[in-house]
């Protein structure tokens, strides 16, 4: 079974991707030259660090085996290996898209996360 990796994405950007059939990346992805993903153990910290207080976000779950050789694990925050996609994300590779709402404490409320 394939492992899931996660992308946190503003809903309007993802809706554009659904219309096109692929996600080219958020501005930070385009600037860095790859699409940033997180593993199940990394995604909550990613939300807290890079998306604090932001609403209208979606949690995109992707089966990593669908991405082939364009997916590389590279050292990033805290020396951890993070998944980076060097190319567009095909919408067909996405296994689910779920809202990532803010709770009353300002923290994101995550759905169940599969590893």
C-alpha atoms as a PDB file:
ATOM      1  CA  UNK A   1       0.000   0.000   0.000  1.00  0.00           C
ATOM      2  CA  UNK A   2       1.230   3.457  -0.869  1.00  0.00           C
ATOM      3  CA  UNK A   3       2.109   5.963   1.805  1.00  0.00           C
ATOM      4  CA  UNK A   4       0.191   9.234   1.882  1.00  0.00           C
ATOM      5  CA  UNK A   5       1.845  12.629   1.869  1.00  0.00           C
ATOM      6  CA  UNK A   6       0.055  15.908   2.480  1.00  0.00           C
ATOM      7  CA  UNK A   7      -0.186  19.370   0.964  1.00  0.00           C
ATOM      8  CA  UNK A   8      -1.854  22.274   2.754  1.00  0.00           C
ATOM      9  CA  UNK A   9      -3.386  24.523   0.134  1.00  0.00           C
ATOM     10  CA  UNK A  10      -5.614  27.606   0.058  1.00  0.00           C
ATOM     11  CA  UNK A  11      -9.010  26.488  -1.260  1.00  0.00           C
ATOM     12  CA  UNK A  12      -9.104  28.951  -4.200  1.00  0.00           C
ATOM     13  CA  UNK A  13      -5.747  27.666  -5.502  1.00  0.00           C
ATOM     14  CA  UNK A  14      -6.922  24.073  -5.273  1.00  0.00           C
ATOM     15  CA  UNK A  15     -10.199  24.848  -7.071  1.00  0.00           C
ATOM     16  CA  UNK A  16      -8.137  26.262  -9.966  1.00  0.00           C
ATOM     17  CA  UNK A  17      -6.068  23.062  -9.977  1.00  0.00           C
ATOM     18  CA  UNK A  18      -9.215  20.937 -10.168  1.00  0.00           C
ATOM     19  CA  UNK A  19     -10.356  22.911 -13.208  1.00  0.00           C
ATOM     20  CA  UNK A  20      -6.946  22.498 -14.920  1.00  0.00           C
ATOM     21  CA  UNK A  21      -6.366  18.895 -13.888  1.00  0.00           C
ATOM     22  CA  UNK A  22      -3.069  19.665 -12.145  1.00  0.00           C
ATOM     23  CA  UNK A  23      -1.637  21.812  -9.357  1.00  0.00           C
ATOM     24  CA  UNK A  24       1.421  23.817 -10.394  1.00  0.00           C
ATOM     25  CA  UNK A  25       2.092  25.011  -6.845  1.00  0.00           C
ATOM     26  CA  UNK A  26       1.468  27.878  -4.485  1.00  0.00           C
ATOM     27  CA  UNK A  27       3.643  31.003  -4.765  1.00  0.00           C
ATOM     28  CA  UNK A  28       6.183  29.596  -2.265  1.00  0.00           C
ATOM     29  CA  UNK A  29       6.393  26.364  -4.279  1.00  0.00           C
ATOM     30  CA  UNK A  30       7.012  28.239  -7.506  1.00  0.00           C
ATOM     31  CA  UNK A  31       9.657  30.367  -5.822  1.00  0.00           C
ATOM     32  CA  UNK A  32      11.464  27.281  -4.466  1.00  0.00           C
ATOM     33  CA  UNK A  33      11.159  25.262  -7.682  1.00  0.00           C
ATOM     34  CA  UNK A  34       9.195  22.352  -6.206  1.00  0.00           C
ATOM     35  CA  UNK A  35       5.885  21.613  -4.483  1.00  0.00           C
ATOM     36  CA  UNK A  36       6.269  21.274  -0.728  1.00  0.00           C
ATOM     37  CA  UNK A  37       4.629  18.290   0.960  1.00  0.00           C
ATOM     38  CA  UNK A  38       4.692  16.918   4.496  1.00  0.00           C
ATOM     39  CA  UNK A  39       4.437  13.405   5.868  1.00  0.00           C
ATOM     40  CA  UNK A  40       1.706  12.485   8.339  1.00  0.00           C
ATOM     41  CA  UNK A  41       4.072  13.164  11.235  1.00  0.00           C
ATOM     42  CA  UNK A  42       5.145  16.560   9.851  1.00  0.00           C
ATOM     43  CA  UNK A  43       1.917  18.124   8.588  1.00  0.00           C
ATOM     44  CA  UNK A  44       0.587  19.530  11.874  1.00  0.00           C
ATOM     45  CA  UNK A  45       3.858  21.344  12.548  1.00  0.00           C
ATOM     46  CA  UNK A  46       3.825  22.623   8.965  1.00  0.00           C
ATOM     47  CA  UNK A  47       0.338  24.058   9.526  1.00  0.00           C
ATOM     48  CA  UNK A  48       1.387  25.738  12.774  1.00  0.00           C
ATOM     49  CA  UNK A  49       4.590  27.179  11.302  1.00  0.00           C
ATOM     50  CA  UNK A  50       3.528  28.257   7.807  1.00  0.00           C
ATOM     51  CA  UNK A  51      -0.280  28.607   7.933  1.00  0.00           C
ATOM     52  CA  UNK A  52      -0.944  29.927  11.441  1.00  0.00           C
ATOM     53  CA  UNK A  53      -4.290  31.693  11.664  1.00  0.00           C
ATOM     54  CA  UNK A  54      -5.138  31.117   7.987  1.00  0.00           C
ATOM     55  CA  UNK A  55      -8.626  29.963   7.138  1.00  0.00           C
ATOM     56  CA  UNK A  56     -10.094  28.550   3.917  1.00  0.00           C
ATOM     57  CA  UNK A  57      -7.395  25.896   3.693  1.00  0.00           C
ATOM     58  CA  UNK A  58      -7.617  22.353   2.394  1.00  0.00           C
ATOM     59  CA  UNK A  59      -5.622  19.274   3.327  1.00  0.00           C
ATOM     60  CA  UNK A  60      -4.694  17.395   0.155  1.00  0.00           C
ATOM     61  CA  UNK A  61      -3.740  13.723   0.612  1.00  0.00           C
ATOM     62  CA  UNK A  62      -1.643  12.186  -2.168  1.00  0.00           C
ATOM     63  CA  UNK A  63      -0.430   8.635  -2.674  1.00  0.00           C
ATOM     64  CA  UNK A  64       3.298   9.104  -3.057  1.00  0.00           C
ATOM     65  CA  UNK A  65       3.698   6.149  -5.449  1.00  0.00           C
ATOM     66  CA  UNK A  66       1.502   8.055  -7.929  1.00  0.00           C
ATOM     67  CA  UNK A  67       4.179  10.749  -8.255  1.00  0.00           C
ATOM     68  CA  UNK A  68       7.042   8.608  -9.515  1.00  0.00           C
ATOM     69  CA  UNK A  69      10.611   9.852  -9.747  1.00  0.00           C
ATOM     70  CA  UNK A  70       9.574  13.535  -9.598  1.00  0.00           C
ATOM     71  CA  UNK A  71       9.105  13.056  -5.832  1.00  0.00           C
ATOM     72  CA  UNK A  72      12.290  13.467  -3.803  1.00  0.00           C
ATOM     73  CA  UNK A  73      12.819  13.376  -0.051  1.00  0.00           C
ATOM     74  CA  UNK A  74      15.182  16.171   0.932  1.00  0.00           C
ATOM     75  CA  UNK A  75      16.537  17.591   4.170  1.00  0.00           C
ATOM     76  CA  UNK A  76      14.563  20.580   5.399  1.00  0.00           C
ATOM     77  CA  UNK A  77      13.196  21.892   8.708  1.00  0.00           C
ATOM     78  CA  UNK A  78      15.073  20.486  11.685  1.00  0.00           C
ATOM     79  CA  UNK A  79      17.108  18.145   9.513  1.00  0.00           C
ATOM     80  CA  UNK A  80      14.013  16.051   8.685  1.00  0.00           C
ATOM     81  CA  UNK A  81      13.468  14.607   5.237  1.00  0.00           C
ATOM     82  CA  UNK A  82      10.483  16.259   3.538  1.00  0.00           C
ATOM     83  CA  UNK A  83       8.781  15.168   0.311  1.00  0.00           C
ATOM     84  CA  UNK A  84       9.274  17.644  -2.557  1.00  0.00           C
ATOM     85  CA  UNK A  85       7.628  17.247  -5.949  1.00  0.00           C
ATOM     86  CA  UNK A  86       9.627  18.513  -8.924  1.00  0.00           C
ATOM     87  CA  UNK A  87       6.794  18.992 -11.378  1.00  0.00           C
ATOM     88  CA  UNK A  88       3.046  19.528 -11.344  1.00  0.00           C
ATOM     89  CA  UNK A  89       0.750  17.517  -9.093  1.00  0.00           C
ATOM     90  CA  UNK A  90      -1.854  15.680 -11.174  1.00  0.00           C
ATOM     91  CA  UNK A  91      -5.281  15.971  -9.573  1.00  0.00           C
ATOM     92  CA  UNK A  92      -5.755  12.274 -10.416  1.00  0.00           C
ATOM     93  CA  UNK A  93      -2.976  11.406  -7.899  1.00  0.00           C
ATOM     94  CA  UNK A  94      -4.986  12.897  -5.026  1.00  0.00           C
ATOM     95  CA  UNK A  95      -6.755  10.390  -2.798  1.00  0.00           C
ATOM     96  CA  UNK A  96      -8.768  12.943  -0.809  1.00  0.00           C
ATOM     97  CA  UNK A  97      -9.299  16.639  -0.164  1.00  0.00           C
ATOM     98  CA  UNK A  98     -10.610  17.784   3.203  1.00  0.00           C
ATOM     99  CA  UNK A  99     -11.240  21.158   4.836  1.00  0.00           C
ATOM    100  CA  UNK A 100      -8.686  22.317   7.386  1.00  0.00           C
ATOM    101  CA  UNK A 101     -10.740  24.677   9.559  1.00  0.00           C
ATOM    102  CA  UNK A 102      -9.516  26.823  12.409  1.00  0.00           C
ATOM    103  CA  UNK A 103     -10.663  25.930  15.890  1.00  0.00           C
ATOM    104  CA  UNK A 104     -11.638  28.491  18.537  1.00  0.00           C
ATOM    105  CA  UNK A 105      -8.031  28.442  19.791  1.00  0.00           C
ATOM    106  CA  UNK A 106      -6.721  29.476  16.351  1.00  0.00           C
ATOM    107  CA  UNK A 107      -5.204  26.034  15.687  1.00  0.00           C
ATOM    108  CA  UNK A 108      -6.200  23.999  12.654  1.00  0.00           C
ATOM    109  CA  UNK A 109      -8.532  21.063  13.212  1.00  0.00           C
ATOM    110  CA  UNK A 110      -7.165  18.053  11.338  1.00  0.00           C
ATOM    111  CA  UNK A 111      -9.179  15.117  10.035  1.00  0.00           C
ATOM    112  CA  UNK A 112      -7.864  11.620  10.684  1.00  0.00           C
ATOM    113  CA  UNK A 113      -4.463  11.361   9.036  1.00  0.00           C
ATOM    114  CA  UNK A 114      -3.356   8.130   7.373  1.00  0.00           C
ATOM    115  CA  UNK A 115       0.287   7.288   7.108  1.00  0.00           C
END
